[in-house]
Amino acid sequence: MHWSASIAQLMATGLLAAIRLLVYRRISMMPRTKELPHGFELDTLARDIHGCLDWSITVPRKEAKTKPSRSLASRVLDTRVRLAQLSGWSSDSALVVDQLRQEVESVMNHVYQPDRNLMIKKEL
């Protein structure tokens, strides 16, 4: 075997060792961590996936005739449900959440009725 083949093999071995070193260093870095509130792990994860920082309820204006787009809250809740299905991890607060959803829905149905304007009167 010619001496240049041995040098080429040595260089290839050195190159692959350097690449392996770079890959292992990246893998061994500390991952980014976040403290999760107990009992709300899936909720927090679903919010983080969509970048949701806070919750708010908005009422569409009467003059808006455009089809409402799917809200961020709706996407977060769908993600939360899907995470629960994938992980098999049920929430201790599922009953409370369902009751709260029903109460908010009944209040919004009472306050905002599509066939009439808002029932809330602005005080001047």
PDB file of N, CA and C in Angstrom:
ATOM      1  N   MET A   1       0.847  -1.164   0.000  1.00  0.00           N
ATOM      2  CA  MET A   1       0.000   0.000   0.000  1.00  0.00           C
ATOM      3  C   MET A   1       0.897   1.233   0.000  1.00  0.00           C
ATOM      4  N   HIS A   2       0.508   2.205  -0.746  1.00  0.00           N
ATOM      5  CA  HIS A   2       1.263   3.443  -0.870  1.00  0.00           C
ATOM      6  C   HIS A   2       1.107   4.265   0.403  1.00  0.00           C
ATOM      7  N   TRP A   3       2.154   5.034   0.747  1.00  0.00           N
ATOM      8  CA  TRP A   3       2.140   5.815   1.984  1.00  0.00           C
ATOM      9  C   TRP A   3       1.056   6.884   1.986  1.00  0.00           C
ATOM     10  N   SER A   4       0.605   7.407   0.830  1.00  0.00           N
ATOM     11  CA  SER A   4      -0.429   8.446   0.782  1.00  0.00           C
ATOM     12  C   SER A   4      -1.784   7.892   1.219  1.00  0.00           C
ATOM     13  N   ALA A   5      -2.030   6.591   1.010  1.00  0.00           N
ATOM     14  CA  ALA A   5      -3.278   5.979   1.461  1.00  0.00           C
ATOM     15  C   ALA A   5      -3.332   5.951   2.986  1.00  0.00           C
ATOM     16  N   SER A   6      -2.207   5.669   3.613  1.00  0.00           N
ATOM     17  CA  SER A   6      -2.157   5.661   5.084  1.00  0.00           C
ATOM     18  C   SER A   6      -2.402   7.061   5.640  1.00  0.00           C
ATOM     19  N   ILE A   7      -1.844   8.073   5.012  1.00  0.00           N
ATOM     20  CA  ILE A   7      -2.048   9.461   5.459  1.00  0.00           C
ATOM     21  C   ILE A   7      -3.513   9.869   5.277  1.00  0.00           C
ATOM     22  N   ALA A   8      -4.132   9.479   4.158  1.00  0.00           N
ATOM     23  CA  ALA A   8      -5.536   9.800   3.900  1.00  0.00           C
ATOM     24  C   ALA A   8      -6.437   9.121   4.931  1.00  0.00           C
ATOM     25  N   GLN A   9      -6.115   7.871   5.278  1.00  0.00           N
ATOM     26  CA  GLN A   9      -6.895   7.160   6.278  1.00  0.00           C
ATOM     27  C   GLN A   9      -6.743   7.805   7.650  1.00  0.00           C
ATOM     28  N   LEU A  10      -5.552   8.258   7.992  1.00  0.00           N
ATOM     29  CA  LEU A  10      -5.310   8.936   9.264  1.00  0.00           C
ATOM     30  C   LEU A  10      -6.093  10.253   9.329  1.00  0.00           C
ATOM     31  N   MET A  11      -6.108  10.996   8.217  1.00  0.00           N
ATOM     32  CA  MET A  11      -6.839  12.264   8.183  1.00  0.00           C
ATOM     33  C   MET A  11      -8.351  12.019   8.297  1.00  0.00           C
ATOM     34  N   ALA A  12      -8.864  10.990   7.635  1.00  0.00           N
ATOM     35  CA  ALA A  12     -10.293  10.676   7.721  1.00  0.00           C
ATOM     36  C   ALA A  12     -10.669  10.279   9.139  1.00  0.00           C
ATOM     37  N   THR A  13      -9.804   9.501   9.796  1.00  0.00           N
ATOM     38  CA  THR A  13     -10.053   9.107  11.177  1.00  0.00           C
ATOM     39  C   THR A  13     -10.073  10.329  12.090  1.00  0.00           C
ATOM     40  N   GLY A  14      -9.153  11.237  11.904  1.00  0.00           N
ATOM     41  CA  GLY A  14      -9.108  12.468  12.704  1.00  0.00           C
ATOM     42  C   GLY A  14     -10.327  13.341  12.472  1.00  0.00           C
ATOM     43  N   LEU A  15     -10.760  13.456  11.223  1.00  0.00           N
ATOM     44  CA  LEU A  15     -11.943  14.253  10.888  1.00  0.00           C
ATOM     45  C   LEU A  15     -13.191  13.666  11.543  1.00  0.00           C
ATOM     46  N   LEU A  16     -13.385  12.368  11.448  1.00  0.00           N
ATOM     47  CA  LEU A  16     -14.552  11.725  12.060  1.00  0.00           C
ATOM     48  C   LEU A  16     -14.515  11.832  13.583  1.00  0.00           C
ATOM     49  N   ALA A  17     -13.327  11.755  14.178  1.00  0.00           N
ATOM     50  CA  ALA A  17     -13.219  11.930  15.633  1.00  0.00           C
ATOM     51  C   ALA A  17     -13.618  13.343  16.032  1.00  0.00           C
ATOM     52  N   ALA A  18     -13.237  14.337  15.248  1.00  0.00           N
ATOM     53  CA  ALA A  18     -13.609  15.732  15.536  1.00  0.00           C
ATOM     54  C   ALA A  18     -15.118  15.929  15.405  1.00  0.00           C
ATOM     55  N   ILE A  19     -15.713  15.346  14.369  1.00  0.00           N
ATOM     56  CA  ILE A  19     -17.174  15.453  14.199  1.00  0.00           C
ATOM     57  C   ILE A  19     -17.903  14.786  15.353  1.00  0.00           C
ATOM     58  N   ARG A  20     -17.452  13.625  15.766  1.00  0.00           N
ATOM     59  CA  ARG A  20     -18.061  12.916  16.885  1.00  0.00           C
ATOM     60  C   ARG A  20     -17.956  13.737  18.163  1.00  0.00           C
ATOM     61  N   LEU A  21     -16.824  14.390  18.372  1.00  0.00           N
ATOM     62  CA  LEU A  21     -16.621  15.229  19.547  1.00  0.00           C
ATOM     63  C   LEU A  21     -17.625  16.393  19.568  1.00  0.00           C
ATOM     64  N   LEU A  22     -17.816  17.039  18.424  1.00  0.00           N
ATOM     65  CA  LEU A  22     -18.769  18.144  18.350  1.00  0.00           C
ATOM     66  C   LEU A  22     -20.204  17.682  18.617  1.00  0.00           C
ATOM     67  N   VAL A  23     -20.571  16.532  18.060  1.00  0.00           N
ATOM     68  CA  VAL A  23     -21.930  16.002  18.264  1.00  0.00           C
ATOM     69  C   VAL A  23     -22.147  15.653  19.730  1.00  0.00           C
ATOM     70  N   TYR A  24     -21.207  14.983  20.359  1.00  0.00           N
ATOM     71  CA  TYR A  24     -21.364  14.597  21.759  1.00  0.00           C
ATOM     72  C   TYR A  24     -21.402  15.799  22.683  1.00  0.00           C
ATOM     73  N   ARG A  25     -20.665  16.839  22.366  1.00  0.00           N
ATOM     74  CA  ARG A  25     -20.705  18.045  23.199  1.00  0.00           C
ATOM     75  C   ARG A  25     -22.078  18.695  23.137  1.00  0.00           C
ATOM     76  N   ARG A  26     -22.669  18.720  21.975  1.00  0.00           N
ATOM     77  CA  ARG A  26     -24.017  19.307  21.841  1.00  0.00           C
ATOM     78  C   ARG A  26     -25.037  18.486  22.615  1.00  0.00           C
ATOM     79  N   ILE A  27     -24.915  17.182  22.575  1.00  0.00           N
ATOM     80  CA  ILE A  27     -25.864  16.310  23.267  1.00  0.00           C
ATOM     81  C   ILE A  27     -25.715  16.447  24.777  1.00  0.00           C
ATOM     82  N   SER A  28     -24.510  16.643  25.244  1.00  0.00           N
ATOM     83  CA  SER A  28     -24.280  16.677  26.679  1.00  0.00           C
ATOM     84  C   SER A  28     -24.559  18.025  27.318  1.00  0.00           C
ATOM     85  N   MET A  29     -24.962  19.048  26.534  1.00  0.00           N
ATOM     86  CA  MET A  29     -25.294  20.341  27.122  1.00  0.00           C
ATOM     87  C   MET A  29     -26.543  20.204  27.990  1.00  0.00           C
ATOM     88  N   MET A  30     -26.656  21.049  28.996  1.00  0.00           N
ATOM     89  CA  MET A  30     -27.813  21.022  29.879  1.00  0.00           C
ATOM     90  C   MET A  30     -29.048  21.487  29.109  1.00  0.00           C
ATOM     91  N   PRO A  31     -30.115  20.723  29.162  1.00  0.00           N
ATOM     92  CA  PRO A  31     -31.339  21.141  28.470  1.00  0.00           C
ATOM     93  C   PRO A  31     -32.016  22.299  29.218  1.00  0.00           C
ATOM     94  N   ARG A  32     -32.810  23.065  28.488  1.00  0.00           N
ATOM     95  CA  ARG A  32     -33.563  24.154  29.106  1.00  0.00           C
ATOM     96  C   ARG A  32     -34.687  23.544  29.940  1.00  0.00           C
ATOM     97  N   THR A  33     -34.807  23.957  31.180  1.00  0.00           N
ATOM     98  CA  THR A  33     -35.820  23.404  32.067  1.00  0.00           C
ATOM     99  C   THR A  33     -36.758  24.503  32.540  1.00  0.00           C
ATOM    100  N   LYS A  34     -37.911  24.071  33.032  1.00  0.00           N
ATOM    101  CA  LYS A  34     -38.907  25.004  33.534  1.00  0.00           C
ATOM    102  C   LYS A  34     -39.659  24.320  34.661  1.00  0.00           C
ATOM    103  N   GLU A  35     -39.885  25.032  35.739  1.00  0.00           N
ATOM    104  CA  GLU A  35     -40.650  24.500  36.868  1.00  0.00           C
ATOM    105  C   GLU A  35     -42.128  24.490  36.495  1.00  0.00           C
ATOM    106  N   LEU A  36     -42.778  23.337  36.631  1.00  0.00           N
ATOM    107  CA  LEU A  36     -44.186  23.208  36.289  1.00  0.00           C
ATOM    108  C   LEU A  36     -45.029  23.111  37.554  1.00  0.00           C
ATOM    109  N   PRO A  37     -46.147  23.814  37.594  1.00  0.00           N
ATOM    110  CA  PRO A  37     -47.008  23.718  38.775  1.00  0.00           C
ATOM    111  C   PRO A  37     -47.620  22.329  38.873  1.00  0.00           C
ATOM    112  N   HIS A  38     -47.637  21.783  40.072  1.00  0.00           N
ATOM    113  CA  HIS A  38     -48.148  20.432  40.295  1.00  0.00           C
ATOM    114  C   HIS A  38     -49.629  20.363  39.915  1.00  0.00           C
ATOM    115  N   GLY A  39     -49.972  19.371  39.112  1.00  0.00           N
ATOM    116  CA  GLY A  39     -51.350  19.185  38.696  1.00  0.00           C
ATOM    117  C   GLY A  39     -51.700  19.907  37.407  1.00  0.00           C
ATOM    118  N   PHE A  40     -50.835  20.791  36.944  1.00  0.00           N
ATOM    119  CA  PHE A  40     -51.112  21.558  35.730  1.00  0.00           C
ATOM    120  C   PHE A  40     -50.004  21.374  34.701  1.00  0.00           C
ATOM    121  N   GLU A  41     -49.366  20.228  34.702  1.00  0.00           N
ATOM    122  CA  GLU A  41     -48.244  19.985  33.805  1.00  0.00           C
ATOM    123  C   GLU A  41     -48.677  20.018  32.339  1.00  0.00           C
ATOM    124  N   LEU A  42     -49.765  19.316  32.014  1.00  0.00           N
ATOM    125  CA  LEU A  42     -50.219  19.277  30.625  1.00  0.00           C
ATOM    126  C   LEU A  42     -50.750  20.633  30.176  1.00  0.00           C
ATOM    127  N   ASP A  43     -51.420  21.343  31.079  1.00  0.00           N
ATOM    128  CA  ASP A  43     -51.939  22.671  30.746  1.00  0.00           C
ATOM    129  C   ASP A  43     -50.792  23.617  30.412  1.00  0.00           C
ATOM    130  N   THR A  44     -49.763  23.602  31.244  1.00  0.00           N
ATOM    131  CA  THR A  44     -48.611  24.475  31.027  1.00  0.00           C
ATOM    132  C   THR A  44     -47.886  24.108  29.737  1.00  0.00           C
ATOM    133  N   LEU A  45     -47.749  22.822  29.480  1.00  0.00           N
ATOM    134  CA  LEU A  45     -47.084  22.374  28.256  1.00  0.00           C
ATOM    135  C   LEU A  45     -47.866  22.798  27.014  1.00  0.00           C
ATOM    136  N   ALA A  46     -49.187  22.661  27.051  1.00  0.00           N
ATOM    137  CA  ALA A  46     -50.019  23.068  25.911  1.00  0.00           C
ATOM    138  C   ALA A  46     -49.916  24.573  25.669  1.00  0.00           C
ATOM    139  N   ARG A  47     -49.886  25.362  26.740  1.00  0.00           N
ATOM    140  CA  ARG A  47     -49.741  26.810  26.590  1.00  0.00           C
ATOM    141  C   ARG A  47     -48.368  27.161  26.021  1.00  0.00           C
ATOM    142  N   ASP A  48     -47.332  26.476  26.476  1.00  0.00           N
ATOM    143  CA  ASP A  48     -45.975  26.751  25.979  1.00  0.00           C
ATOM    144  C   ASP A  48     -45.832  26.377  24.504  1.00  0.00           C
ATOM    145  N   ILE A  49     -46.486  25.319  24.082  1.00  0.00           N
ATOM    146  CA  ILE A  49     -46.404  24.891  22.686  1.00  0.00           C
ATOM    147  C   ILE A  49     -46.928  25.986  21.765  1.00  0.00           C
ATOM    148  N   HIS A  50     -47.999  26.654  22.181  1.00  0.00           N
ATOM    149  CA  HIS A  50     -48.612  27.690  21.342  1.00  0.00           C
ATOM    150  C   HIS A  50     -48.153  29.099  21.687  1.00  0.00           C
ATOM    151  N   GLY A  51     -47.286  29.245  22.695  1.00  0.00           N
ATOM    152  CA  GLY A  51     -46.801  30.576  23.063  1.00  0.00           C
ATOM    153  C   GLY A  51     -47.862  31.429  23.729  1.00  0.00           C
ATOM    154  N   CYS A  52     -48.799  30.807  24.414  1.00  0.00           N
ATOM    155  CA  CYS A  52     -49.886  31.524  25.084  1.00  0.00           C
ATOM    156  C   CYS A  52     -49.389  32.028  26.435  1.00  0.00           C
ATOM    157  N   LEU A  53     -49.401  33.341  26.631  1.00  0.00           N
ATOM    158  CA  LEU A  53     -48.904  33.919  27.875  1.00  0.00           C
ATOM    159  C   LEU A  53     -50.008  34.170  28.897  1.00  0.00           C
ATOM    160  N   ASP A  54     -51.208  34.502  28.439  1.00  0.00           N
ATOM    161  CA  ASP A  54     -52.311  34.745  29.358  1.00  0.00           C
ATOM    162  C   ASP A  54     -53.629  34.394  28.680  1.00  0.00           C
ATOM    163  N   TRP A  55     -54.688  34.315  29.474  1.00  0.00           N
ATOM    164  CA  TRP A  55     -56.010  33.990  28.972  1.00  0.00           C
ATOM    165  C   TRP A  55     -56.870  35.244  28.980  1.00  0.00           C
ATOM    166  N   SER A  56     -57.714  35.377  27.985  1.00  0.00           N
ATOM    167  CA  SER A  56     -58.697  36.454  27.980  1.00  0.00           C
ATOM    168  C   SER A  56     -59.908  36.010  27.167  1.00  0.00           C
ATOM    169  N   ILE A  57     -61.048  36.590  27.493  1.00  0.00           N
ATOM    170  CA  ILE A  57     -62.283  36.281  26.783  1.00  0.00           C
ATOM    171  C   ILE A  57     -62.671  37.520  26.007  1.00  0.00           C
ATOM    172  N   THR A  58     -62.914  37.363  24.727  1.00  0.00           N
ATOM    173  CA  THR A  58     -63.328  38.487  23.899  1.00  0.00           C
ATOM    174  C   THR A  58     -64.713  38.216  23.339  1.00  0.00           C
ATOM    175  N   VAL A  59     -65.474  39.278  23.192  1.00  0.00           N
ATOM    176  CA  VAL A  59     -66.816  39.175  22.640  1.00  0.00           C
ATOM    177  C   VAL A  59     -66.779  39.803  21.255  1.00  0.00           C
ATOM    178  N   PRO A  60     -67.216  39.077  20.225  1.00  0.00           N
ATOM    179  CA  PRO A  60     -67.189  39.662  18.885  1.00  0.00           C
ATOM    180  C   PRO A  60     -68.172  40.821  18.778  1.00  0.00           C
ATOM    181  N   ARG A  61     -67.803  41.811  18.014  1.00  0.00           N
ATOM    182  CA  ARG A  61     -68.677  42.965  17.813  1.00  0.00           C
ATOM    183  C   ARG A  61     -69.804  42.597  16.851  1.00  0.00           C
ATOM    184  N   LYS A  62     -70.921  43.264  17.026  1.00  0.00           N
ATOM    185  CA  LYS A  62     -72.099  42.978  16.204  1.00  0.00           C
ATOM    186  C   LYS A  62     -71.849  43.260  14.730  1.00  0.00           C
ATOM    187  N   GLU A  63     -71.103  44.346  14.434  1.00  0.00           N
ATOM    188  CA  GLU A  63     -70.897  44.731  13.043  1.00  0.00           C
ATOM    189  C   GLU A  63     -69.891  43.847  12.312  1.00  0.00           C
ATOM    190  N   ALA A  64     -69.174  43.014  13.037  1.00  0.00           N
ATOM    191  CA  ALA A  64     -68.199  42.139  12.390  1.00  0.00           C
ATOM    192  C   ALA A  64     -68.923  40.997  11.684  1.00  0.00           C
ATOM    193  N   LYS A  65     -68.842  40.966  10.364  1.00  0.00           N
ATOM    194  CA  LYS A  65     -69.525  39.945   9.570  1.00  0.00           C
ATOM    195  C   LYS A  65     -68.574  38.864   9.078  1.00  0.00           C
ATOM    196  N   THR A  66     -67.298  38.984   9.421  1.00  0.00           N
ATOM    197  CA  THR A  66     -66.335  37.999   8.963  1.00  0.00           C
ATOM    198  C   THR A  66     -66.444  36.733   9.805  1.00  0.00           C
ATOM    199  N   LYS A  67     -66.084  35.655   9.202  1.00  0.00           N
ATOM    200  CA  LYS A  67     -66.104  34.378   9.909  1.00  0.00           C
ATOM    201  C   LYS A  67     -65.004  34.401  10.971  1.00  0.00           C
ATOM    202  N   PRO A  68     -65.359  34.118  12.225  1.00  0.00           N
ATOM    203  CA  PRO A  68     -64.332  34.167  13.271  1.00  0.00           C
ATOM    204  C   PRO A  68     -63.281  33.079  13.068  1.00  0.00           C
ATOM    205  N   SER A  69     -62.034  33.451  13.260  1.00  0.00           N
ATOM    206  CA  SER A  69     -60.955  32.478  13.122  1.00  0.00           C
ATOM    207  C   SER A  69     -60.861  31.667  14.402  1.00  0.00           C
ATOM    208  N   ARG A  70     -60.194  30.563  14.305  1.00  0.00           N
ATOM    209  CA  ARG A  70     -60.024  29.690  15.467  1.00  0.00           C
ATOM    210  C   ARG A  70     -59.101  30.370  16.459  1.00  0.00           C
ATOM    211  N   SER A  71     -59.578  30.565  17.667  1.00  0.00           N
ATOM    212  CA  SER A  71     -58.832  31.339  18.647  1.00  0.00           C
ATOM    213  C   SER A  71     -57.647  30.557  19.209  1.00  0.00           C
ATOM    214  N   LEU A  72     -56.741  31.305  19.792  1.00  0.00           N
ATOM    215  CA  LEU A  72     -55.573  30.704  20.423  1.00  0.00           C
ATOM    216  C   LEU A  72     -56.002  29.802  21.572  1.00  0.00           C
ATOM    217  N   ALA A  73     -56.981  30.247  22.350  1.00  0.00           N
ATOM    218  CA  ALA A  73     -57.459  29.439  23.478  1.00  0.00           C
ATOM    219  C   ALA A  73     -58.014  28.107  22.996  1.00  0.00           C
ATOM    220  N   SER A  74     -58.741  28.126  21.892  1.00  0.00           N
ATOM    221  CA  SER A  74     -59.290  26.897  21.341  1.00  0.00           C
ATOM    222  C   SER A  74     -58.183  25.940  20.903  1.00  0.00           C
ATOM    223  N   ARG A  75     -57.155  26.488  20.273  1.00  0.00           N
ATOM    224  CA  ARG A  75     -56.032  25.641  19.838  1.00  0.00           C
ATOM    225  C   ARG A  75     -55.278  25.069  21.046  1.00  0.00           C
ATOM    226  N   VAL A  76     -55.104  25.888  22.096  1.00  0.00           N
ATOM    227  CA  VAL A  76     -54.409  25.411  23.297  1.00  0.00           C
ATOM    228  C   VAL A  76     -55.203  24.299  23.967  1.00  0.00           C
ATOM    229  N   LEU A  77     -56.519  24.471  24.072  1.00  0.00           N
ATOM    230  CA  LEU A  77     -57.342  23.435  24.703  1.00  0.00           C
ATOM    231  C   LEU A  77     -57.353  22.155  23.887  1.00  0.00           C
ATOM    232  N   ASP A  78     -57.390  22.274  22.568  1.00  0.00           N
ATOM    233  CA  ASP A  78     -57.321  21.073  21.733  1.00  0.00           C
ATOM    234  C   ASP A  78     -55.985  20.350  21.911  1.00  0.00           C
ATOM    235  N   THR A  79     -54.911  21.122  22.019  1.00  0.00           N
ATOM    236  CA  THR A  79     -53.591  20.530  22.249  1.00  0.00           C
ATOM    237  C   THR A  79     -53.540  19.856  23.614  1.00  0.00           C
ATOM    238  N   ARG A  80     -54.142  20.484  24.607  1.00  0.00           N
ATOM    239  CA  ARG A  80     -54.169  19.927  25.963  1.00  0.00           C
ATOM    240  C   ARG A  80     -54.912  18.589  25.976  1.00  0.00           C
ATOM    241  N   VAL A  81     -56.043  18.537  25.276  1.00  0.00           N
ATOM    242  CA  VAL A  81     -56.816  17.291  25.199  1.00  0.00           C
ATOM    243  C   VAL A  81     -56.014  16.214  24.484  1.00  0.00           C
ATOM    244  N   ARG A  82     -55.341  16.595  23.407  1.00  0.00           N
ATOM    245  CA  ARG A  82     -54.539  15.617  22.645  1.00  0.00           C
ATOM    246  C   ARG A  82     -53.360  15.106  23.471  1.00  0.00           C
ATOM    247  N   LEU A  83     -52.716  15.995  24.230  1.00  0.00           N
ATOM    248  CA  LEU A  83     -51.615  15.564  25.102  1.00  0.00           C
ATOM    249  C   LEU A  83     -52.114  14.574  26.157  1.00  0.00           C
ATOM    250  N   ALA A  84     -53.289  14.826  26.690  1.00  0.00           N
ATOM    251  CA  ALA A  84     -53.856  13.909  27.687  1.00  0.00           C
ATOM    252  C   ALA A  84     -54.151  12.548  27.060  1.00  0.00           C
ATOM    253  N   GLN A  85     -54.648  12.554  25.822  1.00  0.00           N
ATOM    254  CA  GLN A  85     -54.921  11.282  25.138  1.00  0.00           C
ATOM    255  C   GLN A  85     -53.626  10.522  24.856  1.00  0.00           C
ATOM    256  N   LEU A  86     -52.602  11.234  24.399  1.00  0.00           N
ATOM    257  CA  LEU A  86     -51.341  10.578  24.063  1.00  0.00           C
ATOM    258  C   LEU A  86     -50.632  10.019  25.284  1.00  0.00           C
ATOM    259  N   SER A  87     -50.680  10.779  26.389  1.00  0.00           N
ATOM    260  CA  SER A  87     -49.937  10.371  27.577  1.00  0.00           C
ATOM    261  C   SER A  87     -50.745   9.457  28.491  1.00  0.00           C
ATOM    262  N   GLY A  88     -52.070   9.460  28.342  1.00  0.00           N
ATOM    263  CA  GLY A  88     -52.900   8.675  29.255  1.00  0.00           C
ATOM    264  C   GLY A  88     -52.933   9.269  30.643  1.00  0.00           C
ATOM    265  N   TRP A  89     -52.617  10.534  30.763  1.00  0.00           N
ATOM    266  CA  TRP A  89     -52.497  11.213  32.041  1.00  0.00           C
ATOM    267  C   TRP A  89     -53.745  12.034  32.261  1.00  0.00           C
ATOM    268  N   SER A  90     -54.586  11.611  33.194  1.00  0.00           N
ATOM    269  CA  SER A  90     -55.813  12.353  33.452  1.00  0.00           C
ATOM    270  C   SER A  90     -55.548  13.453  34.479  1.00  0.00           C
ATOM    271  N   SER A  91     -56.374  14.466  34.432  1.00  0.00           N
ATOM    272  CA  SER A  91     -56.211  15.618  35.319  1.00  0.00           C
ATOM    273  C   SER A  91     -57.124  15.468  36.530  1.00  0.00           C
ATOM    274  N   ASP A  92     -56.625  15.895  37.684  1.00  0.00           N
ATOM    275  CA  ASP A  92     -57.443  15.872  38.898  1.00  0.00           C
ATOM    276  C   ASP A  92     -58.523  16.947  38.852  1.00  0.00           C
ATOM    277  N   SER A  93     -58.318  17.951  38.039  1.00  0.00           N
ATOM    278  CA  SER A  93     -59.232  19.088  38.007  1.00  0.00           C
ATOM    279  C   SER A  93     -60.201  19.039  36.843  1.00  0.00           C
ATOM    280  N   ALA A  94     -60.388  17.894  36.221  1.00  0.00           N
ATOM    281  CA  ALA A  94     -61.255  17.809  35.042  1.00  0.00           C
ATOM    282  C   ALA A  94     -62.692  18.181  35.365  1.00  0.00           C
ATOM    283  N   LEU A  95     -63.203  17.762  36.511  1.00  0.00           N
ATOM    284  CA  LEU A  95     -64.578  18.086  36.900  1.00  0.00           C
ATOM    285  C   LEU A  95     -64.733  19.587  37.128  1.00  0.00           C
ATOM    286  N   VAL A  96     -63.778  20.190  37.810  1.00  0.00           N
ATOM    287  CA  VAL A  96     -63.823  21.624  38.074  1.00  0.00           C
ATOM    288  C   VAL A  96     -63.738  22.413  36.773  1.00  0.00           C
ATOM    289  N   VAL A  97     -62.881  21.985  35.878  1.00  0.00           N
ATOM    290  CA  VAL A  97     -62.727  22.663  34.591  1.00  0.00           C
ATOM    291  C   VAL A  97     -64.021  22.590  33.790  1.00  0.00           C
ATOM    292  N   ASP A  98     -64.670  21.427  33.775  1.00  0.00           N
ATOM    293  CA  ASP A  98     -65.913  21.288  33.040  1.00  0.00           C
ATOM    294  C   ASP A  98     -67.017  22.157  33.643  1.00  0.00           C
ATOM    295  N   GLN A  99     -67.091  22.224  34.971  1.00  0.00           N
ATOM    296  CA  GLN A  99     -68.078  23.085  35.618  1.00  0.00           C
ATOM    297  C   GLN A  99     -67.811  24.553  35.307  1.00  0.00           C
ATOM    298  N   LEU A 100     -66.565  24.958  35.340  1.00  0.00           N
ATOM    299  CA  LEU A 100     -66.208  26.338  35.020  1.00  0.00           C
ATOM    300  C   LEU A 100     -66.557  26.664  33.572  1.00  0.00           C
ATOM    301  N   ARG A 101     -66.285  25.733  32.664  1.00  0.00           N
ATOM    302  CA  ARG A 101     -66.629  25.943  31.261  1.00  0.00           C
ATOM    303  C   ARG A 101     -68.126  26.149  31.090  1.00  0.00           C
ATOM    304  N   GLN A 102     -68.926  25.341  31.782  1.00  0.00           N
ATOM    305  CA  GLN A 102     -70.374  25.478  31.685  1.00  0.00           C
ATOM    306  C   GLN A 102     -70.847  26.819  32.242  1.00  0.00           C
ATOM    307  N   GLU A 103     -70.254  27.248  33.348  1.00  0.00           N
ATOM    308  CA  GLU A 103     -70.650  28.523  33.946  1.00  0.00           C
ATOM    309  C   GLU A 103     -70.287  29.702  33.055  1.00  0.00           C
ATOM    310  N   VAL A 104     -69.080  29.696  32.507  1.00  0.00           N
ATOM    311  CA  VAL A 104     -68.665  30.783  31.608  1.00  0.00           C
ATOM    312  C   VAL A 104     -69.560  30.804  30.375  1.00  0.00           C
ATOM    313  N   GLU A 105     -69.858  29.631  29.848  1.00  0.00           N
ATOM    314  CA  GLU A 105     -70.720  29.559  28.671  1.00  0.00           C
ATOM    315  C   GLU A 105     -72.116  30.089  28.973  1.00  0.00           C
ATOM    316  N   SER A 106     -72.673  29.745  30.134  1.00  0.00           N
ATOM    317  CA  SER A 106     -74.018  30.231  30.463  1.00  0.00           C
ATOM    318  C   SER A 106     -74.024  31.743  30.692  1.00  0.00           C
ATOM    319  N   VAL A 107     -72.980  32.285  31.325  1.00  0.00           N
ATOM    320  CA  VAL A 107     -72.897  33.734  31.524  1.00  0.00           C
ATOM    321  C   VAL A 107     -72.774  34.444  30.179  1.00  0.00           C
ATOM    322  N   MET A 108     -71.916  33.934  29.304  1.00  0.00           N
ATOM    323  CA  MET A 108     -71.746  34.566  27.994  1.00  0.00           C
ATOM    324  C   MET A 108     -73.034  34.466  27.156  1.00  0.00           C
ATOM    325  N   ASN A 109     -73.750  33.364  27.268  1.00  0.00           N
ATOM    326  CA  ASN A 109     -75.021  33.243  26.548  1.00  0.00           C
ATOM    327  C   ASN A 109     -76.053  34.220  27.092  1.00  0.00           C
ATOM    328  N   HIS A 110     -75.991  34.481  28.396  1.00  0.00           N
ATOM    329  CA  HIS A 110     -76.924  35.432  29.001  1.00  0.00           C
ATOM    330  C   HIS A 110     -76.560  36.868  28.637  1.00  0.00           C
ATOM    331  N   VAL A 111     -75.293  37.202  28.671  1.00  0.00           N
ATOM    332  CA  VAL A 111     -74.851  38.573  28.418  1.00  0.00           C
ATOM    333  C   VAL A 111     -74.889  38.909  26.930  1.00  0.00           C
ATOM    334  N   TYR A 112     -74.436  37.994  26.116  1.00  0.00           N
ATOM    335  CA  TYR A 112     -74.342  38.267  24.672  1.00  0.00           C
ATOM    336  C   TYR A 112     -75.269  37.318  23.937  1.00  0.00           C
ATOM    337  N   GLN A 113     -76.294  37.870  23.366  1.00  0.00           N
ATOM    338  CA  GLN A 113     -77.227  37.063  22.592  1.00  0.00           C
ATOM    339  C   GLN A 113     -77.141  37.525  21.149  1.00  0.00           C
ATOM    340  N   PRO A 114     -76.894  36.622  20.196  1.00  0.00           N
ATOM    341  CA  PRO A 114     -76.648  37.009  18.801  1.00  0.00           C
ATOM    342  C   PRO A 114     -77.784  37.813  18.164  1.00  0.00           C
ATOM    343  N   ASP A 115     -79.051  37.566  18.564  1.00  0.00           N
ATOM    344  CA  ASP A 115     -80.151  38.280  17.925  1.00  0.00           C
ATOM    345  C   ASP A 115     -80.338  39.690  18.484  1.00  0.00           C
ATOM    346  N   ARG A 116     -79.668  40.010  19.596  1.00  0.00           N
ATOM    347  CA  ARG A 116     -79.755  41.354  20.177  1.00  0.00           C
ATOM    348  C   ARG A 116     -78.364  41.920  20.367  1.00  0.00           C
ATOM    349  N   ASN A 117     -78.307  43.200  20.672  1.00  0.00           N
ATOM    350  CA  ASN A 117     -77.024  43.818  20.996  1.00  0.00           C
ATOM    351  C   ASN A 117     -76.610  43.380  22.387  1.00  0.00           C
ATOM    352  N   LEU A 118     -75.431  43.807  22.804  1.00  0.00           N
ATOM    353  CA  LEU A 118     -74.970  43.467  24.144  1.00  0.00           C
ATOM    354  C   LEU A 118     -75.940  43.997  25.179  1.00  0.00           C
ATOM    355  N   MET A 119     -76.185  43.214  26.218  1.00  0.00           N
ATOM    356  CA  MET A 119     -77.098  43.643  27.267  1.00  0.00           C
ATOM    357  C   MET A 119     -76.410  44.564  28.264  1.00  0.00           C
ATOM    358  N   ILE A 120     -75.088  44.636  28.225  1.00  0.00           N
ATOM    359  CA  ILE A 120     -74.351  45.494  29.137  1.00  0.00           C
ATOM    360  C   ILE A 120     -74.446  46.927  28.633  1.00  0.00           C
ATOM    361  N   LYS A 121     -74.868  47.826  29.497  1.00  0.00           N
ATOM    362  CA  LYS A 121     -75.005  49.234  29.112  1.00  0.00           C
ATOM    363  C   LYS A 121     -73.808  49.998  29.649  1.00  0.00           C
ATOM    364  N   LYS A 122     -73.262  50.840  28.810  1.00  0.00           N
ATOM    365  CA  LYS A 122     -72.132  51.658  29.224  1.00  0.00           C
ATOM    366  C   LYS A 122     -72.647  52.830  30.053  1.00  0.00           C
ATOM    367  N   GLU A 123     -72.022  53.022  31.192  1.00  0.00           N
ATOM    368  CA  GLU A 123     -72.378  54.174  32.016  1.00  0.00           C
ATOM    369  C   GLU A 123     -71.539  55.365  31.596  1.00  0.00           C
ATOM    370  N   LEU A 124     -72.192  56.497  31.419  1.00  0.00           N
ATOM    371  CA  LEU A 124     -71.483  57.712  31.002  1.00  0.00           C
ATOM    372  C   LEU A 124     -71.173  58.570  32.177  1.00  0.00           C
TER     373      LEU A 124
END
